N, C-alpha and C. Protein backbone atom coordinates (compact mmCIF):
# COMPACT_ATOMS: atom_id res chain seq x y z
N MET A 1 5.57 28.76 5.06
CA MET A 1 4.28 28.22 4.70
C MET A 1 4.31 26.67 4.57
N HIS A 2 3.52 25.95 5.41
CA HIS A 2 3.44 24.42 5.42
C HIS A 2 3.19 24.12 4.11
N VAL A 3 3.46 22.77 3.54
CA VAL A 3 3.14 22.25 2.31
C VAL A 3 1.47 22.34 2.08
N GLN A 4 0.78 21.92 3.30
CA GLN A 4 -0.58 21.91 3.16
C GLN A 4 -1.17 23.24 2.89
N ASP A 5 -0.75 24.24 3.65
CA ASP A 5 -1.32 25.43 3.34
C ASP A 5 -0.92 26.25 2.12
N TRP A 6 0.15 25.59 1.50
CA TRP A 6 0.48 26.24 0.10
C TRP A 6 -0.45 25.58 -0.84
N LEU A 7 -0.68 24.09 -0.69
CA LEU A 7 -1.60 23.44 -1.53
C LEU A 7 -2.93 24.13 -1.56
N GLU A 8 -3.27 24.67 -0.54
CA GLU A 8 -4.81 25.12 -0.30
C GLU A 8 -4.89 26.23 -1.24
N THR A 9 -3.90 27.00 -1.85
CA THR A 9 -4.05 28.09 -2.55
C THR A 9 -3.88 27.58 -4.08
N VAL A 10 -3.81 26.35 -4.42
CA VAL A 10 -3.55 25.79 -5.70
C VAL A 10 -4.90 25.31 -6.30
N PRO A 11 -5.23 25.56 -7.62
CA PRO A 11 -6.50 24.81 -8.12
C PRO A 11 -6.27 23.43 -8.24
N ALA A 12 -7.29 22.54 -8.18
CA ALA A 12 -7.29 21.25 -8.05
C ALA A 12 -6.66 20.58 -9.17
N VAL A 13 -6.80 21.06 -10.48
CA VAL A 13 -6.06 20.60 -11.62
C VAL A 13 -4.67 20.55 -11.41
N SER A 14 -4.08 21.68 -10.88
CA SER A 14 -2.70 21.84 -10.57
C SER A 14 -2.24 20.89 -9.53
N ILE A 15 -3.14 20.53 -8.66
CA ILE A 15 -2.72 19.89 -7.54
C ILE A 15 -2.52 18.15 -8.13
N TYR A 16 -3.58 17.85 -8.88
CA TYR A 16 -3.26 16.71 -9.50
C TYR A 16 -2.13 16.56 -10.44
N ALA A 17 -1.75 17.46 -11.23
CA ALA A 17 -0.60 17.50 -12.00
C ALA A 17 0.77 17.55 -11.21
N LEU A 18 0.70 18.34 -9.99
CA LEU A 18 1.74 18.45 -9.06
C LEU A 18 2.21 17.19 -8.41
N VAL A 19 1.13 16.60 -8.02
CA VAL A 19 1.43 15.21 -7.32
C VAL A 19 1.92 14.17 -8.28
N GLY A 20 1.40 14.09 -9.46
CA GLY A 20 1.80 13.07 -10.58
C GLY A 20 3.11 13.48 -10.87
N LEU A 21 3.56 14.76 -11.08
CA LEU A 21 4.86 15.10 -11.68
C LEU A 21 6.02 14.84 -10.45
N VAL A 22 5.77 15.26 -9.32
CA VAL A 22 6.54 15.08 -8.40
C VAL A 22 6.86 13.54 -8.03
N ILE A 23 5.85 12.67 -7.88
CA ILE A 23 6.07 11.31 -7.82
C ILE A 23 6.71 10.64 -9.01
N GLY A 24 6.40 11.20 -10.19
CA GLY A 24 7.01 10.55 -11.36
C GLY A 24 8.44 10.94 -11.54
N LEU A 25 8.91 12.16 -10.97
CA LEU A 25 10.26 12.42 -11.08
C LEU A 25 11.03 11.61 -9.87
N GLU A 26 10.30 11.54 -8.63
CA GLU A 26 11.02 10.74 -7.83
C GLU A 26 11.23 9.25 -8.15
N SER A 27 10.18 8.68 -8.84
CA SER A 27 10.22 7.37 -9.24
C SER A 27 11.40 7.27 -10.39
N LEU A 28 11.62 8.33 -11.19
CA LEU A 28 12.45 8.29 -12.27
C LEU A 28 13.96 8.09 -11.78
N GLY A 29 14.22 8.71 -10.52
CA GLY A 29 15.38 8.58 -9.95
C GLY A 29 15.97 9.82 -9.32
N ILE A 30 15.11 10.86 -9.19
CA ILE A 30 15.46 12.21 -8.70
C ILE A 30 14.83 12.24 -7.08
N PRO A 31 15.80 12.63 -6.16
CA PRO A 31 15.58 12.53 -4.95
C PRO A 31 14.38 13.65 -4.70
N LEU A 32 13.16 13.52 -4.58
CA LEU A 32 12.05 14.44 -4.31
C LEU A 32 11.16 13.90 -3.21
N PRO A 33 10.45 14.83 -2.41
CA PRO A 33 9.60 14.33 -1.36
C PRO A 33 8.21 13.93 -1.85
N GLY A 34 8.25 12.85 -2.69
CA GLY A 34 6.99 12.42 -3.29
C GLY A 34 5.83 12.00 -2.26
N GLU A 35 6.31 11.15 -1.33
CA GLU A 35 5.51 10.69 -0.13
C GLU A 35 4.78 11.75 0.58
N ILE A 36 5.56 13.04 0.96
CA ILE A 36 5.01 14.15 1.78
C ILE A 36 3.98 14.80 1.06
N ILE A 37 4.27 15.01 -0.40
CA ILE A 37 3.39 15.76 -1.32
C ILE A 37 2.07 15.03 -1.36
N LEU A 38 2.19 13.67 -1.59
CA LEU A 38 1.06 12.90 -1.76
C LEU A 38 0.21 12.84 -0.47
N VAL A 39 0.76 12.74 0.86
CA VAL A 39 0.00 12.62 1.99
C VAL A 39 -0.67 13.89 2.21
N SER A 40 0.13 15.03 1.83
CA SER A 40 -0.59 16.42 2.04
C SER A 40 -1.68 16.59 1.05
N ALA A 41 -1.55 16.26 -0.09
CA ALA A 41 -2.77 16.36 -1.07
C ALA A 41 -3.93 15.53 -0.60
N ALA A 42 -3.67 14.25 -0.09
CA ALA A 42 -4.81 13.46 0.29
C ALA A 42 -5.46 13.95 1.48
N LEU A 43 -4.69 14.59 2.50
CA LEU A 43 -5.38 15.23 3.53
C LEU A 43 -6.20 16.40 3.11
N LEU A 44 -5.62 17.16 2.26
CA LEU A 44 -6.42 18.22 1.54
C LEU A 44 -7.81 17.91 0.92
N SER A 45 -7.61 16.72 0.34
CA SER A 45 -8.84 16.17 -0.46
C SER A 45 -9.88 15.69 0.65
N SER A 46 -9.48 15.36 1.72
CA SER A 46 -10.52 14.84 2.66
C SER A 46 -11.39 16.14 3.40
N GLN A 47 -10.65 17.31 3.21
CA GLN A 47 -11.22 18.47 3.89
C GLN A 47 -11.75 19.61 2.86
N HIS A 48 -11.67 19.27 1.41
CA HIS A 48 -12.10 20.24 0.47
C HIS A 48 -12.75 19.38 -0.76
N GLU A 49 -14.00 19.70 -0.87
CA GLU A 49 -14.74 18.95 -1.98
C GLU A 49 -14.25 19.10 -3.27
N GLY A 50 -13.61 20.19 -3.60
CA GLY A 50 -13.04 20.29 -4.82
C GLY A 50 -11.83 19.58 -5.35
N ILE A 51 -11.32 18.66 -4.60
CA ILE A 51 -10.16 17.76 -4.84
C ILE A 51 -10.95 16.28 -4.77
N ASN A 52 -10.85 15.56 -5.88
CA ASN A 52 -11.37 14.40 -5.85
C ASN A 52 -10.23 13.34 -5.35
N PRO A 53 -10.61 12.44 -4.41
CA PRO A 53 -9.38 11.59 -4.07
C PRO A 53 -9.25 10.33 -5.05
N VAL A 54 -10.21 10.14 -5.80
CA VAL A 54 -10.08 9.13 -6.75
C VAL A 54 -9.17 9.41 -7.89
N VAL A 55 -9.34 10.88 -8.24
CA VAL A 55 -8.60 11.38 -9.47
C VAL A 55 -7.06 11.59 -8.88
N LEU A 56 -6.91 12.03 -7.68
CA LEU A 56 -5.85 12.20 -6.99
C LEU A 56 -5.03 10.94 -7.01
N GLY A 57 -5.69 9.95 -6.33
CA GLY A 57 -4.87 8.45 -6.41
C GLY A 57 -4.51 8.10 -7.81
N ALA A 58 -5.56 8.25 -9.00
CA ALA A 58 -5.15 7.78 -10.31
C ALA A 58 -3.99 8.61 -10.75
N CYS A 59 -3.88 9.65 -10.49
CA CYS A 59 -2.81 10.63 -11.04
C CYS A 59 -1.39 10.30 -10.35
N ALA A 60 -1.44 10.05 -9.15
CA ALA A 60 -0.21 9.59 -8.28
C ALA A 60 0.19 8.23 -8.73
N SER A 61 -0.91 7.39 -9.17
CA SER A 61 -0.38 6.02 -9.56
C SER A 61 0.14 6.12 -10.93
N LEU A 62 -0.48 6.90 -11.79
CA LEU A 62 0.11 7.20 -13.19
C LEU A 62 1.48 7.58 -13.29
N GLY A 63 1.74 8.65 -12.27
CA GLY A 63 3.08 9.23 -12.11
C GLY A 63 4.10 8.30 -11.70
N ALA A 64 3.62 7.45 -10.87
CA ALA A 64 4.63 6.38 -10.24
C ALA A 64 5.00 5.25 -11.21
N ILE A 65 3.81 4.84 -12.09
CA ILE A 65 4.20 3.92 -13.03
C ILE A 65 4.99 4.41 -14.22
N VAL A 66 4.74 5.71 -14.59
CA VAL A 66 5.31 6.17 -15.69
C VAL A 66 6.81 6.75 -15.35
N GLY A 67 6.95 7.17 -14.17
CA GLY A 67 8.26 7.68 -14.00
C GLY A 67 9.20 6.40 -13.73
N ASP A 68 8.84 5.31 -12.79
CA ASP A 68 9.61 4.18 -13.07
C ASP A 68 9.96 3.54 -14.13
N SER A 69 9.05 3.60 -15.30
CA SER A 69 9.34 3.04 -16.56
C SER A 69 10.29 3.89 -17.23
N ILE A 70 10.17 5.20 -17.14
CA ILE A 70 11.30 6.03 -17.78
C ILE A 70 12.60 5.78 -17.01
N GLY A 71 12.56 5.57 -15.61
CA GLY A 71 13.87 5.34 -14.94
C GLY A 71 14.46 3.98 -15.40
N TYR A 72 13.55 2.96 -15.60
CA TYR A 72 13.98 1.70 -16.17
C TYR A 72 14.66 1.82 -17.52
N ALA A 73 14.11 2.52 -18.44
CA ALA A 73 14.70 2.75 -19.66
C ALA A 73 16.17 3.40 -19.66
N ILE A 74 16.13 4.52 -18.84
CA ILE A 74 17.41 5.25 -18.41
C ILE A 74 18.56 4.39 -18.04
N GLY A 75 18.07 3.50 -17.08
CA GLY A 75 18.99 2.72 -16.45
C GLY A 75 19.54 1.47 -17.34
N ARG A 76 18.63 0.99 -18.20
CA ARG A 76 19.08 -0.01 -19.25
C ARG A 76 20.00 0.57 -20.23
N LYS A 77 19.84 1.85 -20.64
CA LYS A 77 20.80 2.43 -21.51
C LYS A 77 21.92 2.92 -20.86
N GLY A 78 21.79 3.46 -19.83
CA GLY A 78 23.05 4.07 -19.10
C GLY A 78 23.95 3.03 -18.60
N GLY A 79 23.37 1.83 -17.84
CA GLY A 79 24.02 0.87 -17.17
C GLY A 79 24.79 1.37 -16.17
N ARG A 80 26.01 0.67 -15.61
CA ARG A 80 26.62 0.95 -14.47
C ARG A 80 27.37 2.35 -14.47
N PRO A 81 27.66 2.81 -15.68
CA PRO A 81 28.30 4.26 -15.70
C PRO A 81 27.28 5.14 -15.12
N LEU A 82 26.02 5.08 -15.32
CA LEU A 82 25.00 5.86 -14.90
C LEU A 82 24.96 5.77 -13.43
N LEU A 83 25.08 4.73 -12.72
CA LEU A 83 25.05 4.65 -11.30
C LEU A 83 26.36 5.30 -10.76
N ALA A 84 27.53 5.19 -11.18
CA ALA A 84 28.59 5.85 -11.03
C ALA A 84 28.36 7.40 -11.03
N TRP A 85 27.85 7.76 -12.00
CA TRP A 85 27.49 9.36 -12.39
C TRP A 85 26.64 9.73 -11.30
N LEU A 86 25.60 9.08 -10.87
CA LEU A 86 24.62 9.45 -9.88
C LEU A 86 25.28 9.48 -8.51
N GLY A 87 26.18 8.52 -8.37
CA GLY A 87 26.90 8.50 -7.09
C GLY A 87 27.63 9.81 -6.95
N ALA A 88 28.22 10.27 -7.96
CA ALA A 88 28.97 11.66 -7.92
C ALA A 88 28.22 12.65 -7.58
N LYS A 89 26.96 12.74 -8.11
CA LYS A 89 26.14 13.79 -8.15
C LYS A 89 25.24 13.90 -6.97
N PHE A 90 24.71 12.55 -6.42
CA PHE A 90 23.94 12.65 -5.32
C PHE A 90 24.60 11.46 -4.34
N PRO A 91 25.70 11.69 -3.80
CA PRO A 91 26.45 10.76 -2.95
C PRO A 91 25.52 10.24 -1.79
N ARG A 92 24.59 11.25 -1.13
CA ARG A 92 23.85 10.74 -0.11
C ARG A 92 22.76 9.66 -0.34
N HIS A 93 22.35 9.71 -1.72
CA HIS A 93 21.26 8.80 -2.17
C HIS A 93 21.76 7.48 -3.03
N PHE A 94 23.01 7.91 -3.62
CA PHE A 94 23.39 6.85 -4.75
C PHE A 94 24.86 6.34 -4.25
N SER A 95 25.10 6.33 -3.05
CA SER A 95 26.45 5.79 -2.55
C SER A 95 26.61 4.42 -2.94
N GLU A 96 27.94 3.90 -2.87
CA GLU A 96 28.30 2.50 -3.29
C GLU A 96 27.37 1.60 -2.29
N GLY A 97 27.33 2.00 -0.95
CA GLY A 97 26.74 1.23 0.10
C GLY A 97 25.27 1.05 -0.29
N HIS A 98 24.63 2.08 -0.60
CA HIS A 98 23.06 2.18 -1.04
C HIS A 98 22.84 1.34 -2.33
N VAL A 99 23.68 1.53 -3.23
CA VAL A 99 23.62 0.54 -4.40
C VAL A 99 23.78 -0.89 -4.20
N ALA A 100 24.72 -1.27 -3.40
CA ALA A 100 24.85 -2.45 -2.84
C ALA A 100 23.65 -3.13 -2.21
N THR A 101 23.06 -2.38 -1.36
CA THR A 101 21.99 -2.75 -0.46
C THR A 101 20.77 -2.91 -1.38
N ALA A 102 20.59 -2.02 -2.30
CA ALA A 102 19.53 -2.18 -3.30
C ALA A 102 19.48 -3.50 -4.31
N GLU A 103 20.89 -3.57 -4.71
CA GLU A 103 21.17 -4.84 -5.56
C GLU A 103 20.91 -6.26 -4.80
N ARG A 104 21.34 -6.13 -3.60
CA ARG A 104 21.09 -7.46 -2.83
C ARG A 104 19.59 -7.65 -2.69
N SER A 105 18.80 -6.51 -2.69
CA SER A 105 17.34 -6.64 -2.59
C SER A 105 16.82 -7.22 -3.88
N PHE A 106 17.33 -6.78 -4.98
CA PHE A 106 16.92 -7.11 -6.24
C PHE A 106 17.31 -8.73 -6.37
N GLN A 107 18.49 -9.10 -6.04
CA GLN A 107 18.97 -10.40 -6.04
C GLN A 107 18.17 -11.52 -5.26
N LYS A 108 17.64 -10.76 -4.02
CA LYS A 108 17.06 -11.78 -3.20
C LYS A 108 15.36 -11.94 -3.72
N TRP A 109 14.87 -10.62 -4.02
CA TRP A 109 13.36 -10.61 -4.32
C TRP A 109 12.99 -10.80 -5.86
N GLY A 110 13.85 -10.34 -6.66
CA GLY A 110 13.72 -10.19 -8.11
C GLY A 110 12.78 -9.18 -8.48
N MET A 111 11.79 -9.39 -9.25
CA MET A 111 10.89 -8.44 -9.68
C MET A 111 10.01 -7.86 -8.37
N TRP A 112 9.90 -8.48 -7.35
CA TRP A 112 9.00 -8.16 -6.21
C TRP A 112 9.80 -6.99 -5.52
N ALA A 113 11.16 -6.91 -5.66
CA ALA A 113 11.86 -5.74 -5.14
C ALA A 113 11.34 -4.42 -5.62
N VAL A 114 10.90 -4.52 -6.97
CA VAL A 114 10.22 -3.19 -7.54
C VAL A 114 9.04 -2.73 -6.80
N PHE A 115 8.34 -3.78 -6.67
CA PHE A 115 7.01 -3.80 -5.83
C PHE A 115 7.18 -3.32 -4.30
N PHE A 116 7.87 -3.96 -3.59
CA PHE A 116 8.08 -3.58 -2.26
C PHE A 116 9.00 -2.50 -2.05
N GLY A 117 9.90 -2.24 -2.88
CA GLY A 117 10.64 -0.89 -3.04
C GLY A 117 9.90 0.37 -2.97
N ARG A 118 8.54 0.18 -3.62
CA ARG A 118 7.73 1.37 -3.62
C ARG A 118 7.31 1.92 -2.24
N PHE A 119 7.40 1.14 -1.42
CA PHE A 119 7.02 1.52 0.09
C PHE A 119 8.25 1.93 0.88
N ILE A 120 9.33 1.85 0.38
CA ILE A 120 10.61 2.34 1.20
C ILE A 120 11.33 3.32 0.40
N ALA A 121 11.45 4.62 1.25
CA ALA A 121 11.74 5.78 0.63
C ALA A 121 12.85 5.81 -0.29
N LEU A 122 13.99 5.31 -0.02
CA LEU A 122 15.23 5.34 -0.82
C LEU A 122 14.98 4.37 -2.03
N LEU A 123 14.37 3.18 -1.88
CA LEU A 123 14.37 2.34 -2.80
C LEU A 123 13.32 2.70 -3.96
N ARG A 124 12.43 3.64 -3.62
CA ARG A 124 11.51 4.21 -4.56
C ARG A 124 12.32 4.83 -5.56
N ILE A 125 13.50 5.58 -5.30
CA ILE A 125 14.44 6.28 -6.08
C ILE A 125 15.21 5.38 -6.98
N PHE A 126 15.59 4.19 -6.33
CA PHE A 126 16.57 3.27 -7.00
C PHE A 126 15.78 2.19 -8.06
N ALA A 127 14.57 1.91 -7.57
CA ALA A 127 13.99 0.71 -8.27
C ALA A 127 14.02 0.63 -9.74
N GLY A 128 13.44 1.95 -10.36
CA GLY A 128 13.49 1.88 -11.86
C GLY A 128 14.76 1.97 -12.57
N PRO A 129 15.55 2.75 -12.22
CA PRO A 129 17.06 2.75 -12.91
C PRO A 129 17.64 1.49 -12.63
N LEU A 130 17.77 0.93 -11.43
CA LEU A 130 18.42 -0.33 -11.04
C LEU A 130 17.92 -1.50 -11.81
N ALA A 131 16.61 -1.45 -11.70
CA ALA A 131 16.12 -2.77 -12.63
C ALA A 131 16.33 -2.67 -14.06
N GLY A 132 16.68 -1.56 -14.71
CA GLY A 132 17.14 -1.32 -16.04
C GLY A 132 18.52 -1.66 -16.06
N VAL A 133 19.47 -1.23 -14.98
CA VAL A 133 20.91 -1.51 -15.18
C VAL A 133 21.10 -2.92 -15.05
N LEU A 134 20.32 -3.72 -14.12
CA LEU A 134 20.52 -5.08 -13.96
C LEU A 134 19.88 -6.05 -15.10
N ARG A 135 19.19 -5.26 -16.13
CA ARG A 135 18.54 -6.10 -17.14
C ARG A 135 17.52 -6.88 -16.77
N MET A 136 16.57 -6.51 -15.91
CA MET A 136 15.51 -7.25 -15.71
C MET A 136 14.65 -7.20 -16.67
N PRO A 137 13.91 -8.46 -17.09
CA PRO A 137 12.98 -8.44 -18.40
C PRO A 137 11.82 -7.51 -18.08
N TYR A 138 11.63 -6.76 -19.12
CA TYR A 138 10.62 -5.63 -18.96
C TYR A 138 9.16 -5.90 -18.60
N TRP A 139 8.94 -7.19 -18.87
CA TRP A 139 7.44 -7.58 -18.52
C TRP A 139 7.40 -7.93 -17.10
N LYS A 140 8.54 -8.50 -16.44
CA LYS A 140 8.31 -8.63 -15.13
C LYS A 140 8.34 -7.40 -14.29
N PHE A 141 9.32 -6.40 -14.79
CA PHE A 141 9.43 -5.20 -14.24
C PHE A 141 8.10 -4.39 -14.16
N LEU A 142 7.41 -4.41 -15.36
CA LEU A 142 6.20 -3.79 -15.69
C LEU A 142 5.06 -4.36 -14.76
N ILE A 143 4.87 -5.46 -14.43
CA ILE A 143 3.96 -6.28 -13.67
C ILE A 143 3.96 -5.57 -12.22
N ALA A 144 5.40 -5.81 -11.76
CA ALA A 144 5.62 -5.30 -10.41
C ALA A 144 5.46 -3.83 -10.19
N ASN A 145 5.91 -3.00 -11.32
CA ASN A 145 5.69 -1.39 -11.27
C ASN A 145 4.23 -1.15 -11.20
N VAL A 146 3.42 -1.82 -12.07
CA VAL A 146 2.04 -1.22 -12.10
C VAL A 146 1.37 -1.64 -10.81
N LEU A 147 1.48 -2.93 -10.31
CA LEU A 147 0.85 -3.26 -9.08
C LEU A 147 1.43 -2.46 -7.88
N GLY A 148 2.81 -2.20 -7.84
CA GLY A 148 3.36 -1.35 -6.64
C GLY A 148 2.84 0.12 -6.63
N GLY A 149 2.85 0.62 -8.01
CA GLY A 149 2.34 2.07 -8.05
C GLY A 149 0.73 2.15 -7.58
N ILE A 150 0.06 1.17 -8.15
CA ILE A 150 -1.33 1.41 -7.75
C ILE A 150 -1.54 1.07 -6.17
N VAL A 151 -0.92 0.11 -5.73
CA VAL A 151 -1.09 -0.25 -4.31
C VAL A 151 -0.60 0.90 -3.53
N TRP A 152 0.68 1.29 -3.68
CA TRP A 152 1.34 2.50 -2.90
C TRP A 152 0.51 3.77 -2.99
N ALA A 153 0.52 4.16 -4.34
CA ALA A 153 -0.11 5.45 -4.28
C ALA A 153 -1.62 5.47 -4.19
N GLY A 154 -2.38 4.51 -4.64
CA GLY A 154 -3.79 4.55 -4.37
C GLY A 154 -4.19 4.23 -3.04
N GLY A 155 -3.54 3.21 -2.40
CA GLY A 155 -3.56 2.67 -0.98
C GLY A 155 -3.27 4.05 -0.08
N THR A 156 -2.14 4.56 -0.35
CA THR A 156 -1.65 5.71 0.56
C THR A 156 -2.85 6.91 0.44
N THR A 157 -3.32 7.27 -0.67
CA THR A 157 -4.39 8.17 -0.93
C THR A 157 -5.74 7.79 -0.09
N ALA A 158 -6.06 6.67 -0.33
CA ALA A 158 -7.42 6.19 0.32
C ALA A 158 -7.33 6.17 1.90
N VAL A 159 -6.19 5.76 2.36
CA VAL A 159 -5.97 5.65 3.87
C VAL A 159 -5.95 6.94 4.50
N ILE A 160 -5.14 7.87 3.84
CA ILE A 160 -5.00 9.39 4.26
C ILE A 160 -6.38 10.01 4.38
N TYR A 161 -6.88 9.79 3.15
CA TYR A 161 -8.39 10.48 2.97
C TYR A 161 -9.39 10.08 3.89
N TYR A 162 -9.57 8.73 4.34
CA TYR A 162 -10.53 8.30 5.21
C TYR A 162 -10.02 8.79 6.58
N VAL A 163 -8.73 8.61 6.82
CA VAL A 163 -8.40 9.15 8.13
C VAL A 163 -8.86 10.53 8.37
N GLY A 164 -8.47 11.36 7.23
CA GLY A 164 -8.99 12.76 7.21
C GLY A 164 -10.42 13.12 7.49
N VAL A 165 -11.14 12.24 6.72
CA VAL A 165 -12.60 12.40 6.95
C VAL A 165 -13.10 12.13 8.25
N VAL A 166 -12.54 10.88 8.93
CA VAL A 166 -13.04 10.62 10.16
C VAL A 166 -12.48 11.57 11.24
N ALA A 167 -11.23 12.18 11.05
CA ALA A 167 -10.78 13.13 12.14
C ALA A 167 -10.74 14.47 11.72
N GLU A 168 -11.76 15.03 10.70
CA GLU A 168 -11.74 16.14 10.15
C GLU A 168 -11.62 17.45 11.20
N SER A 169 -12.57 17.27 12.11
CA SER A 169 -12.27 18.65 12.85
C SER A 169 -11.02 18.60 13.80
N TRP A 170 -10.41 17.45 14.07
CA TRP A 170 -9.25 17.46 14.74
C TRP A 170 -8.04 17.78 13.90
N LEU A 171 -8.13 17.30 12.64
CA LEU A 171 -7.10 17.74 11.67
C LEU A 171 -7.01 19.11 11.33
N LYS A 172 -8.35 19.83 11.48
CA LYS A 172 -8.23 21.23 11.13
C LYS A 172 -7.29 22.04 12.08
N ARG A 173 -7.28 21.52 13.31
CA ARG A 173 -6.41 22.20 14.11
C ARG A 173 -4.99 21.69 14.11
N PHE A 174 -4.81 20.35 13.92
CA PHE A 174 -3.53 19.67 14.03
C PHE A 174 -3.09 18.87 12.79
N SER A 175 -3.41 19.43 11.70
CA SER A 175 -3.19 18.72 10.42
C SER A 175 -1.80 18.58 10.26
N TRP A 176 -0.76 19.41 10.75
CA TRP A 176 0.62 19.20 10.61
C TRP A 176 1.09 18.05 11.27
N LEU A 177 0.43 17.33 12.15
CA LEU A 177 0.71 16.01 12.88
C LEU A 177 0.87 15.01 11.68
N GLY A 178 -0.16 15.09 10.68
CA GLY A 178 -0.12 14.14 9.53
C GLY A 178 1.16 14.22 8.74
N LEU A 179 1.68 15.41 8.60
CA LEU A 179 2.97 15.68 7.83
C LEU A 179 4.01 15.08 8.64
N VAL A 180 4.00 15.35 10.02
CA VAL A 180 5.19 15.09 10.76
C VAL A 180 5.35 13.48 10.88
N ALA A 181 4.06 12.83 10.86
CA ALA A 181 4.11 11.25 10.87
C ALA A 181 4.54 10.70 9.50
N ALA A 182 4.31 11.34 8.35
CA ALA A 182 4.68 11.04 7.15
C ALA A 182 6.34 11.16 7.13
N VAL A 183 6.88 12.33 7.58
CA VAL A 183 8.15 12.58 7.72
C VAL A 183 8.85 11.35 8.50
N LEU A 184 8.27 11.27 9.69
CA LEU A 184 8.85 10.12 10.57
C LEU A 184 8.96 8.76 9.86
N VAL A 185 7.75 8.47 9.18
CA VAL A 185 7.83 7.08 8.57
C VAL A 185 8.98 7.21 7.35
N GLY A 186 8.97 8.12 6.67
CA GLY A 186 10.02 8.28 5.65
C GLY A 186 11.34 8.33 6.23
N LEU A 187 11.62 8.91 7.32
CA LEU A 187 12.95 9.01 7.91
C LEU A 187 13.41 7.64 8.48
N ALA A 188 12.27 6.90 9.12
CA ALA A 188 12.62 5.45 9.66
C ALA A 188 12.95 4.51 8.47
N SER A 189 12.22 4.57 7.29
CA SER A 189 12.55 3.62 6.31
C SER A 189 14.04 4.00 5.73
N MET A 190 14.24 5.41 5.69
CA MET A 190 15.68 5.70 5.31
C MET A 190 16.85 5.27 6.13
N LEU A 191 16.55 5.43 7.47
CA LEU A 191 17.58 5.04 8.30
C LEU A 191 17.82 3.57 8.37
N ILE A 192 16.73 2.82 8.15
CA ILE A 192 16.95 1.33 7.98
C ILE A 192 17.97 1.04 6.82
N VAL A 193 17.57 1.64 5.57
CA VAL A 193 18.31 1.59 4.39
C VAL A 193 19.78 1.88 4.47
N LYS A 194 19.95 3.07 5.20
CA LYS A 194 21.18 3.59 5.48
C LYS A 194 22.04 2.61 6.22
N ARG A 195 21.42 2.07 7.35
CA ARG A 195 22.07 1.22 8.29
C ARG A 195 22.54 -0.01 7.34
N LYS A 196 21.71 -0.59 6.60
CA LYS A 196 22.13 -1.72 5.84
C LYS A 196 23.12 -1.37 4.78
N ALA A 197 22.99 -0.19 4.19
CA ALA A 197 24.00 0.34 3.15
C ALA A 197 25.32 0.33 3.86
N LYS A 198 25.42 0.78 5.16
CA LYS A 198 26.68 1.05 5.93
C LYS A 198 27.33 -0.45 6.08
N ARG A 199 26.29 -1.30 6.53
CA ARG A 199 26.89 -2.52 6.72
C ARG A 199 27.55 -3.12 5.30
N ALA A 200 26.80 -2.95 4.26
CA ALA A 200 27.30 -3.35 3.05
C ALA A 200 28.53 -2.98 2.70
N SER A 201 28.86 -1.62 3.07
CA SER A 201 30.23 -0.83 2.72
C SER A 201 31.11 -1.45 3.51
N VAL A 202 30.95 -1.88 4.59
CA VAL A 202 31.87 -2.32 5.54
C VAL A 202 32.27 -3.57 5.10
N GLU A 203 31.26 -4.49 4.67
CA GLU A 203 31.50 -5.97 4.13
C GLU A 203 32.35 -5.94 2.91
N ARG A 204 32.14 -4.96 2.04
CA ARG A 204 32.85 -4.68 0.84
C ARG A 204 34.26 -4.32 1.16
N ALA A 205 34.45 -3.59 2.05
CA ALA A 205 35.65 -3.00 2.55
C ALA A 205 36.58 -4.23 3.06
N GLU A 206 35.87 -4.87 3.95
CA GLU A 206 36.61 -6.05 4.51
C GLU A 206 37.10 -7.25 3.51
N ALA A 207 36.08 -7.30 2.55
CA ALA A 207 36.24 -8.36 1.50
C ALA A 207 37.46 -7.91 0.55
N GLY A 208 37.59 -6.49 0.40
CA GLY A 208 38.71 -6.07 -0.38
C GLY A 208 39.97 -6.03 0.46
N ALA A 209 39.99 -6.10 1.71
CA ALA A 209 41.21 -5.99 2.61
C ALA A 209 41.64 -7.34 3.18
N GLU A 210 40.99 -8.53 2.46
CA GLU A 210 41.49 -9.71 3.17
C GLU A 210 43.01 -9.87 2.68
N PRO A 211 43.61 -10.37 3.64
CA PRO A 211 45.15 -10.52 3.35
C PRO A 211 45.36 -11.75 2.45
N VAL A 212 46.17 -11.45 1.51
CA VAL A 212 46.64 -12.68 0.50
C VAL A 212 47.79 -13.35 1.13
N ALA A 213 47.70 -14.69 1.04
CA ALA A 213 48.55 -15.72 1.72
C ALA A 213 49.99 -15.58 1.05
N ALA A 214 51.00 -15.42 1.70
CA ALA A 214 52.29 -15.35 1.23
C ALA A 214 52.71 -16.81 0.70
N PRO A 215 53.24 -16.70 -0.51
CA PRO A 215 53.72 -18.05 -1.01
C PRO A 215 54.90 -18.69 -0.25
N THR A 216 54.69 -19.92 0.00
CA THR A 216 55.62 -20.62 0.91
C THR A 216 56.75 -21.09 0.07
N GLY A 217 57.91 -21.18 0.62
CA GLY A 217 59.10 -21.65 -0.09
C GLY A 217 59.24 -23.04 0.02
N ASP A 218 60.07 -23.56 -0.72
CA ASP A 218 60.19 -25.18 -0.83
C ASP A 218 61.18 -25.52 0.37
């Protein structure tokens, strides 16, 4: 059963709660398909009057903001050992290369790495915990977190909803294409981050393997 087919069997309140919970857990640092769930629910709201897109977008935004805040608190308390533990448990998502890439983004963009990270699949998982580990001032984190959560979750809901309204008859036959598009966007962003992570790993390995000059005799 497709995600959207399954969502059609669930009451509206449960869909709001499901979207908020999945996005919250993803933002907290648990690898979950938050974007796919949000896109599916937004498409569903465009075809069923019982699901209010405004409430859906609000629940998604709230889940994103609260999840990131909890992730920040966990990262601030756990520090580097937390990243090492996550790397052992989820090597595909929290490898040294991925962490290094995320750290470079934070060093370059500061608080706005939290904002822009909301739009990149893997960085959505990193943003909260890593901001805490790096001891970013909470007020800076909160501003970027709130803005990013609202723009990403609310904006995605609005765009997908209006696309669904405009193309309702087409989507009834080919609604799965919306999910395919969401998956492709997610995969593309993930591949970009993976490539940067691989490059970071190579650079770290090369830096560690630099030959030490032998001492010269008198």
